[in-house]
């Protein structure tokens, strides 16, 4: 049998925005800059799907590794005992 559904399966409430925050995306979120070693929280911007991580990492805290692939950054998080590298657009991250 094949797996049914895609990467955003069962995320209706998880990736939904608050009622007051719906609408245009903040330009400030696009222009954020991060330095290596800085801690960030992964918060998906549901209206912008490019370079979005898998929903299981939503709300996690990670460290910025280095700038990669155009505007995206490498975020290093620990998933159990395994260290994982995600490539995330700045619109999906918040500084801590």
Protein backbone atom coordinates (compact mmCIF):
# COMPACT_ATOMS: atom_id res chain seq x y z
CA UNK A 1 0.00 0.00 0.00
CA UNK A 2 1.09 3.54 -0.67
CA UNK A 3 1.06 6.25 1.96
CA UNK A 4 -1.90 8.58 1.64
CA UNK A 5 -1.36 12.32 1.91
CA UNK A 6 1.52 14.73 1.63
CA UNK A 7 3.84 16.71 3.89
CA UNK A 8 1.06 18.90 5.35
CA UNK A 9 -1.30 16.04 6.17
CA UNK A 10 -3.26 16.42 9.45
CA UNK A 11 -1.98 19.95 10.12
CA UNK A 12 -5.20 21.97 9.88
CA UNK A 13 -4.97 23.34 13.40
CA UNK A 14 -1.23 23.01 13.95
CA UNK A 15 -0.19 25.36 11.12
CA UNK A 16 -3.23 27.66 11.28
CA UNK A 17 -2.71 31.33 12.11
CA UNK A 18 -4.46 33.22 14.86
CA UNK A 19 -7.53 35.12 13.71
CA UNK A 20 -5.96 38.58 14.10
CA UNK A 21 -2.73 37.61 12.33
CA UNK A 22 -4.32 36.46 9.07
CA UNK A 23 -3.64 38.46 5.92
CA UNK A 24 -0.42 39.78 4.43
CA UNK A 25 2.91 38.42 5.55
CA UNK A 26 5.19 40.85 7.37
CA UNK A 27 8.08 42.08 5.22
CA UNK A 28 10.17 42.22 8.41
CA UNK A 29 9.98 38.43 8.70
CA UNK A 30 11.43 38.04 5.18
CA UNK A 31 14.34 40.40 5.83
CA UNK A 32 15.48 38.90 9.16
CA UNK A 33 19.18 38.12 9.49
CA UNK A 34 20.62 35.43 11.72
CA UNK A 35 24.18 34.76 12.91
CA UNK A 36 25.72 31.29 13.36
CA UNK A 37 25.12 29.91 16.85
CA UNK A 38 22.01 32.01 17.44
CA UNK A 39 18.96 30.22 18.90
CA UNK A 40 15.69 30.33 16.95
CA UNK A 41 12.19 28.97 17.37
CA UNK A 42 10.60 27.23 14.40
CA UNK A 43 7.18 28.78 13.73
CA UNK A 44 5.79 28.02 10.29
CA UNK A 45 4.27 30.82 8.22
CA UNK A 46 1.39 28.88 6.66
CA UNK A 47 0.90 31.36 3.81
CA UNK A 48 4.45 30.82 2.51
CA UNK A 49 5.26 27.20 1.67
CA UNK A 50 8.77 27.54 0.22
CA UNK A 51 11.55 26.11 2.41
CA UNK A 52 9.06 25.04 5.10
CA UNK A 53 10.22 22.23 7.38
CA UNK A 54 8.23 19.10 8.24
CA UNK A 55 5.35 19.86 10.66
CA UNK A 56 6.75 17.52 13.35
CA UNK A 57 9.46 20.15 14.03
CA UNK A 58 6.90 22.95 14.61
CA UNK A 59 7.60 24.83 17.84
CA UNK A 60 11.07 23.36 18.32
CA UNK A 61 14.15 25.41 19.24
CA UNK A 62 17.36 25.06 17.25
CA UNK A 63 20.68 26.73 16.53
CA UNK A 64 21.64 28.47 13.31
CA UNK A 65 24.43 26.54 11.59
CA UNK A 66 25.30 28.60 8.54
CA UNK A 67 23.69 30.45 5.66
CA UNK A 68 22.82 28.07 2.83
CA UNK A 69 21.03 27.94 -0.48
CA UNK A 70 20.21 31.57 -1.23
CA UNK A 71 18.05 33.04 1.54
CA UNK A 72 17.73 29.87 3.62
CA UNK A 73 19.62 28.98 6.78
CA UNK A 74 20.75 25.67 8.18
CA UNK A 75 19.06 25.00 11.55
CA UNK A 76 20.46 22.26 13.77
CA UNK A 77 17.99 20.56 16.12
CA UNK A 78 18.11 17.46 18.25
CA UNK A 79 15.35 14.93 17.53
CA UNK A 80 15.63 12.44 20.38
CA UNK A 81 19.29 11.43 20.33
CA UNK A 82 19.79 12.25 16.65
CA UNK A 83 21.10 15.64 15.47
CA UNK A 84 19.23 16.83 12.38
CA UNK A 85 19.91 19.67 9.93
CA UNK A 86 16.97 21.54 8.43
CA UNK A 87 17.15 24.14 5.69
CA UNK A 88 14.60 26.80 6.60
CA UNK A 89 13.57 30.16 5.15
CA UNK A 90 13.79 33.08 7.65
CA UNK A 91 10.03 33.70 7.45
CA UNK A 92 9.50 30.44 9.37
CA UNK A 93 11.84 31.37 12.27
CA UNK A 94 11.73 33.68 15.30
CA UNK A 95 14.70 34.86 17.36
CA UNK A 96 14.80 33.85 21.00
